[in-house]
Amino acid sequence: MATDSYKYKPMEELSNVDAFEIPSLKHVISALKIEKEQLHPVMRDLVLILERQGPLTRDDLVKIIGKPRTTIYEQLMDLITHDLAKKYSHPTNSRGRPLVFFKLAEGIR
């Protein structure tokens, strides 16, 4: 799962990269029926991070991306609505709510 040392900086790494060069982003853009310029930067980061790091919690994604929880959650829900991502729970060994993870849907990678 996620660690405290987040080395991946999607915005910095990909500032000069055409989104259509990356298969997972090409798939998302096509599924959403939008132009590549319309792809929200947070959604782009979410797809790339989940593709590279696997399932993560919303808190993990907030730490990595550095944007507000609500912005990240809205973009996650948009991905889920279009069957591009999945949300699932993982029970903890203690009381309280289970951890909720997000991952890309099968076939997105």
N, C-alpha and C. Protein backbone atom coordinates (compact mmCIF):
# COMPACT_ATOMS: atom_id res chain seq x y z
N MET A 1 0.83 -1.18 0.00
CA MET A 1 0.00 0.00 0.00
C MET A 1 0.88 1.25 0.00
N ALA A 2 0.32 2.36 0.33
CA ALA A 2 1.04 3.62 0.26
C ALA A 2 2.03 3.75 1.42
N THR A 3 3.07 4.51 1.18
CA THR A 3 4.04 4.79 2.21
C THR A 3 4.09 6.29 2.44
N ASP A 4 4.87 6.70 3.43
CA ASP A 4 4.98 8.13 3.71
C ASP A 4 5.93 8.84 2.74
N SER A 5 6.74 8.09 2.01
CA SER A 5 7.67 8.73 1.08
C SER A 5 7.12 8.64 -0.34
N TYR A 6 6.41 9.66 -0.74
CA TYR A 6 5.80 9.70 -2.06
C TYR A 6 6.78 10.33 -3.03
N LYS A 7 7.36 9.50 -3.89
CA LYS A 7 8.35 9.99 -4.84
C LYS A 7 7.72 10.40 -6.15
N TYR A 8 6.54 9.95 -6.41
CA TYR A 8 5.91 10.18 -7.70
C TYR A 8 5.23 11.53 -7.74
N LYS A 9 5.62 12.37 -8.68
CA LYS A 9 5.04 13.70 -8.85
C LYS A 9 4.43 13.78 -10.25
N PRO A 10 3.17 13.38 -10.40
CA PRO A 10 2.58 13.29 -11.73
C PRO A 10 2.57 14.58 -12.53
N MET A 11 2.27 15.70 -11.91
CA MET A 11 2.19 16.94 -12.65
C MET A 11 3.57 17.35 -13.17
N GLU A 12 4.60 17.19 -12.36
CA GLU A 12 5.94 17.57 -12.78
C GLU A 12 6.46 16.65 -13.87
N GLU A 13 6.27 15.35 -13.70
CA GLU A 13 6.76 14.37 -14.66
C GLU A 13 6.09 14.49 -16.02
N LEU A 14 4.83 14.84 -16.04
CA LEU A 14 4.05 14.75 -17.26
C LEU A 14 3.62 16.09 -17.85
N SER A 15 4.27 17.16 -17.42
CA SER A 15 3.84 18.46 -17.89
C SER A 15 3.98 18.62 -19.41
N ASN A 16 4.92 17.91 -20.01
CA ASN A 16 5.14 18.03 -21.46
C ASN A 16 4.69 16.79 -22.23
N VAL A 17 3.94 15.92 -21.59
CA VAL A 17 3.52 14.67 -22.22
C VAL A 17 2.10 14.79 -22.76
N ASP A 18 1.89 14.33 -23.97
CA ASP A 18 0.56 14.30 -24.57
C ASP A 18 -0.22 13.15 -23.91
N ALA A 19 -1.39 13.45 -23.39
CA ALA A 19 -2.19 12.44 -22.69
C ALA A 19 -2.49 11.23 -23.58
N PHE A 20 -2.58 11.44 -24.87
CA PHE A 20 -2.88 10.32 -25.75
C PHE A 20 -1.70 9.36 -25.91
N GLU A 21 -0.54 9.71 -25.41
CA GLU A 21 0.60 8.80 -25.45
C GLU A 21 0.52 7.75 -24.34
N ILE A 22 -0.32 7.97 -23.37
CA ILE A 22 -0.43 7.06 -22.23
C ILE A 22 -1.74 6.27 -22.37
N PRO A 23 -1.64 4.94 -22.58
CA PRO A 23 -2.84 4.13 -22.86
C PRO A 23 -3.97 4.28 -21.84
N SER A 24 -3.66 4.30 -20.55
CA SER A 24 -4.73 4.40 -19.55
C SER A 24 -5.47 5.73 -19.66
N LEU A 25 -4.75 6.80 -19.91
CA LEU A 25 -5.40 8.11 -20.07
C LEU A 25 -6.18 8.18 -21.37
N LYS A 26 -5.67 7.57 -22.40
CA LYS A 26 -6.38 7.52 -23.68
C LYS A 26 -7.72 6.81 -23.50
N HIS A 27 -7.71 5.73 -22.72
CA HIS A 27 -8.93 4.98 -22.45
C HIS A 27 -9.93 5.84 -21.67
N VAL A 28 -9.46 6.55 -20.66
CA VAL A 28 -10.34 7.39 -19.84
C VAL A 28 -10.94 8.51 -20.68
N ILE A 29 -10.13 9.17 -21.47
CA ILE A 29 -10.60 10.26 -22.32
C ILE A 29 -11.66 9.76 -23.29
N SER A 30 -11.42 8.60 -23.86
CA SER A 30 -12.37 8.01 -24.80
C SER A 30 -13.68 7.63 -24.09
N ALA A 31 -13.57 7.01 -22.91
CA ALA A 31 -14.77 6.59 -22.18
C ALA A 31 -15.61 7.78 -21.72
N LEU A 32 -14.96 8.87 -21.37
CA LEU A 32 -15.68 10.06 -20.92
C LEU A 32 -16.21 10.89 -22.08
N LYS A 33 -15.77 10.54 -23.30
CA LYS A 33 -16.18 11.25 -24.52
C LYS A 33 -15.88 12.75 -24.42
N ILE A 34 -14.62 13.02 -24.07
CA ILE A 34 -14.16 14.40 -23.97
C ILE A 34 -12.91 14.56 -24.81
N GLU A 35 -12.53 15.80 -25.03
CA GLU A 35 -11.26 16.10 -25.68
C GLU A 35 -10.17 16.02 -24.62
N LYS A 36 -8.96 15.72 -25.03
CA LYS A 36 -7.88 15.58 -24.05
C LYS A 36 -7.65 16.85 -23.24
N GLU A 37 -7.92 18.01 -23.83
CA GLU A 37 -7.75 19.27 -23.11
C GLU A 37 -8.79 19.43 -21.99
N GLN A 38 -9.88 18.68 -22.06
CA GLN A 38 -10.95 18.77 -21.06
C GLN A 38 -10.71 17.87 -19.86
N LEU A 39 -9.71 17.01 -19.93
CA LEU A 39 -9.42 16.09 -18.82
C LEU A 39 -8.92 16.89 -17.62
N HIS A 40 -9.65 16.77 -16.51
CA HIS A 40 -9.29 17.49 -15.29
C HIS A 40 -7.90 17.03 -14.82
N PRO A 41 -7.01 17.96 -14.46
CA PRO A 41 -5.66 17.58 -14.02
C PRO A 41 -5.66 16.61 -12.83
N VAL A 42 -6.61 16.76 -11.92
CA VAL A 42 -6.67 15.84 -10.78
C VAL A 42 -7.07 14.45 -11.26
N MET A 43 -7.99 14.36 -12.21
CA MET A 43 -8.37 13.05 -12.73
C MET A 43 -7.17 12.40 -13.42
N ARG A 44 -6.43 13.19 -14.16
CA ARG A 44 -5.22 12.66 -14.82
C ARG A 44 -4.28 12.10 -13.77
N ASP A 45 -4.04 12.85 -12.71
CA ASP A 45 -3.15 12.39 -11.65
C ASP A 45 -3.68 11.13 -10.98
N LEU A 46 -4.98 11.09 -10.72
CA LEU A 46 -5.58 9.91 -10.09
C LEU A 46 -5.34 8.66 -10.93
N VAL A 47 -5.59 8.76 -12.21
CA VAL A 47 -5.42 7.60 -13.10
C VAL A 47 -3.96 7.14 -13.09
N LEU A 48 -3.04 8.07 -13.22
CA LEU A 48 -1.63 7.70 -13.28
C LEU A 48 -1.13 7.13 -11.96
N ILE A 49 -1.56 7.71 -10.85
CA ILE A 49 -1.13 7.22 -9.53
C ILE A 49 -1.70 5.84 -9.26
N LEU A 50 -3.01 5.66 -9.50
CA LEU A 50 -3.62 4.34 -9.26
C LEU A 50 -3.04 3.29 -10.20
N GLU A 51 -2.67 3.69 -11.40
CA GLU A 51 -2.06 2.75 -12.34
C GLU A 51 -0.70 2.29 -11.84
N ARG A 52 0.09 3.22 -11.33
CA ARG A 52 1.45 2.90 -10.90
C ARG A 52 1.53 2.30 -9.51
N GLN A 53 0.67 2.76 -8.59
CA GLN A 53 0.80 2.34 -7.20
C GLN A 53 -0.26 1.36 -6.74
N GLY A 54 -1.28 1.12 -7.55
CA GLY A 54 -2.32 0.20 -7.15
C GLY A 54 -3.34 0.85 -6.23
N PRO A 55 -4.17 0.03 -5.57
CA PRO A 55 -5.23 0.56 -4.72
C PRO A 55 -4.71 1.45 -3.60
N LEU A 56 -5.39 2.58 -3.41
CA LEU A 56 -5.02 3.52 -2.35
C LEU A 56 -6.29 4.07 -1.70
N THR A 57 -6.14 4.56 -0.47
CA THR A 57 -7.25 5.22 0.21
C THR A 57 -7.33 6.67 -0.26
N ARG A 58 -8.44 7.31 0.04
CA ARG A 58 -8.59 8.72 -0.33
C ARG A 58 -7.54 9.56 0.41
N ASP A 59 -7.26 9.23 1.66
CA ASP A 59 -6.24 9.97 2.41
C ASP A 59 -4.86 9.84 1.76
N ASP A 60 -4.54 8.64 1.27
CA ASP A 60 -3.28 8.45 0.56
C ASP A 60 -3.22 9.35 -0.68
N LEU A 61 -4.34 9.38 -1.41
CA LEU A 61 -4.39 10.18 -2.64
C LEU A 61 -4.28 11.67 -2.33
N VAL A 62 -4.88 12.11 -1.23
CA VAL A 62 -4.78 13.52 -0.83
C VAL A 62 -3.32 13.87 -0.54
N LYS A 63 -2.62 12.99 0.16
CA LYS A 63 -1.20 13.23 0.48
C LYS A 63 -0.35 13.29 -0.78
N ILE A 64 -0.61 12.41 -1.72
CA ILE A 64 0.18 12.34 -2.94
C ILE A 64 -0.08 13.54 -3.84
N ILE A 65 -1.35 13.82 -4.08
CA ILE A 65 -1.72 14.85 -5.05
C ILE A 65 -1.66 16.25 -4.44
N GLY A 66 -1.98 16.36 -3.16
CA GLY A 66 -1.92 17.65 -2.50
C GLY A 66 -3.07 18.59 -2.84
N LYS A 67 -4.21 18.02 -3.17
CA LYS A 67 -5.42 18.81 -3.45
C LYS A 67 -6.46 18.49 -2.38
N PRO A 68 -7.52 19.32 -2.27
CA PRO A 68 -8.55 19.07 -1.26
C PRO A 68 -9.25 17.71 -1.44
N ARG A 69 -9.65 17.14 -0.31
CA ARG A 69 -10.34 15.84 -0.31
C ARG A 69 -11.56 15.85 -1.21
N THR A 70 -12.33 16.94 -1.16
CA THR A 70 -13.56 16.99 -1.94
C THR A 70 -13.27 16.98 -3.44
N THR A 71 -12.24 17.68 -3.86
CA THR A 71 -11.86 17.68 -5.28
C THR A 71 -11.47 16.28 -5.72
N ILE A 72 -10.67 15.62 -4.93
CA ILE A 72 -10.24 14.26 -5.26
C ILE A 72 -11.43 13.31 -5.26
N TYR A 73 -12.31 13.44 -4.27
CA TYR A 73 -13.47 12.55 -4.19
C TYR A 73 -14.41 12.76 -5.39
N GLU A 74 -14.63 14.00 -5.78
CA GLU A 74 -15.49 14.28 -6.95
C GLU A 74 -14.93 13.61 -8.21
N GLN A 75 -13.63 13.71 -8.40
CA GLN A 75 -13.02 13.09 -9.57
C GLN A 75 -13.06 11.56 -9.49
N LEU A 76 -12.87 11.01 -8.29
CA LEU A 76 -12.99 9.56 -8.11
C LEU A 76 -14.41 9.09 -8.43
N MET A 77 -15.40 9.84 -7.96
CA MET A 77 -16.80 9.46 -8.21
C MET A 77 -17.12 9.53 -9.70
N ASP A 78 -16.54 10.48 -10.40
CA ASP A 78 -16.74 10.57 -11.85
C ASP A 78 -16.13 9.34 -12.54
N LEU A 79 -14.96 8.93 -12.10
CA LEU A 79 -14.34 7.71 -12.65
C LEU A 79 -15.19 6.49 -12.35
N ILE A 80 -15.71 6.39 -11.13
CA ILE A 80 -16.53 5.25 -10.73
C ILE A 80 -17.84 5.24 -11.51
N THR A 81 -18.47 6.40 -11.68
CA THR A 81 -19.73 6.50 -12.42
C THR A 81 -19.58 5.97 -13.85
N HIS A 82 -18.41 6.18 -14.43
CA HIS A 82 -18.16 5.73 -15.81
C HIS A 82 -17.47 4.36 -15.85
N ASP A 83 -17.51 3.63 -14.72
CA ASP A 83 -16.91 2.29 -14.60
C ASP A 83 -15.43 2.26 -14.95
N LEU A 84 -14.72 3.34 -14.61
CA LEU A 84 -13.29 3.42 -14.87
C LEU A 84 -12.47 3.16 -13.61
N ALA A 85 -13.13 3.19 -12.46
CA ALA A 85 -12.49 2.90 -11.19
C ALA A 85 -13.48 2.16 -10.30
N LYS A 86 -12.94 1.50 -9.30
CA LYS A 86 -13.75 0.74 -8.35
C LYS A 86 -13.41 1.17 -6.93
N LYS A 87 -14.40 1.06 -6.07
CA LYS A 87 -14.26 1.38 -4.65
C LYS A 87 -14.55 0.10 -3.88
N TYR A 88 -13.70 -0.22 -2.92
CA TYR A 88 -13.97 -1.41 -2.11
C TYR A 88 -13.46 -1.20 -0.69
N SER A 89 -14.01 -1.97 0.23
CA SER A 89 -13.66 -1.86 1.65
C SER A 89 -12.73 -2.99 2.05
N HIS A 90 -11.92 -2.70 3.02
CA HIS A 90 -11.03 -3.70 3.60
C HIS A 90 -11.19 -3.61 5.11
N PRO A 91 -11.72 -4.66 5.75
CA PRO A 91 -11.95 -4.59 7.19
C PRO A 91 -10.64 -4.44 7.96
N THR A 92 -10.72 -3.71 9.05
CA THR A 92 -9.56 -3.55 9.92
C THR A 92 -9.68 -4.53 11.07
N ASN A 93 -8.61 -4.67 11.82
CA ASN A 93 -8.63 -5.57 12.97
C ASN A 93 -9.13 -4.88 14.22
N SER A 94 -9.58 -3.66 14.08
CA SER A 94 -10.07 -2.92 15.24
C SER A 94 -11.49 -2.42 14.98
N ARG A 95 -12.04 -1.76 15.95
CA ARG A 95 -13.37 -1.19 15.80
C ARG A 95 -13.33 -0.03 14.82
N GLY A 96 -14.51 0.36 14.39
CA GLY A 96 -14.60 1.52 13.52
C GLY A 96 -14.86 1.14 12.08
N ARG A 97 -14.80 2.13 11.27
CA ARG A 97 -15.10 1.92 9.85
C ARG A 97 -13.97 1.16 9.16
N PRO A 98 -14.33 0.37 8.17
CA PRO A 98 -13.29 -0.31 7.39
C PRO A 98 -12.58 0.70 6.49
N LEU A 99 -11.36 0.38 6.11
CA LEU A 99 -10.64 1.23 5.16
C LEU A 99 -11.29 1.11 3.78
N VAL A 100 -11.43 2.22 3.10
CA VAL A 100 -12.00 2.23 1.75
C VAL A 100 -10.88 2.53 0.77
N PHE A 101 -10.73 1.65 -0.21
CA PHE A 101 -9.69 1.79 -1.22
C PHE A 101 -10.31 2.06 -2.58
N PHE A 102 -9.54 2.70 -3.43
CA PHE A 102 -9.92 2.97 -4.81
C PHE A 102 -8.87 2.36 -5.72
N LYS A 103 -9.33 1.78 -6.82
CA LYS A 103 -8.41 1.22 -7.80
C LYS A 103 -9.00 1.40 -9.19
N LEU A 104 -8.16 1.32 -10.19
CA LEU A 104 -8.65 1.40 -11.56
C LEU A 104 -9.41 0.12 -11.89
N ALA A 105 -10.41 0.26 -12.72
CA ALA A 105 -11.18 -0.90 -13.16
C ALA A 105 -10.31 -1.78 -14.05
N GLU A 106 -10.66 -3.05 -14.13
CA GLU A 106 -9.93 -3.96 -15.00
C GLU A 106 -9.98 -3.46 -16.43
N GLY A 107 -8.90 -3.62 -17.14
CA GLY A 107 -8.86 -3.23 -18.54
C GLY A 107 -8.45 -1.79 -18.79
N ILE A 108 -8.23 -1.02 -17.73
CA ILE A 108 -7.83 0.38 -17.89
C ILE A 108 -6.34 0.48 -18.13
N ARG A 109 -5.59 -0.39 -17.55
CA ARG A 109 -4.12 -0.33 -17.64
C ARG A 109 -3.62 -0.61 -19.01
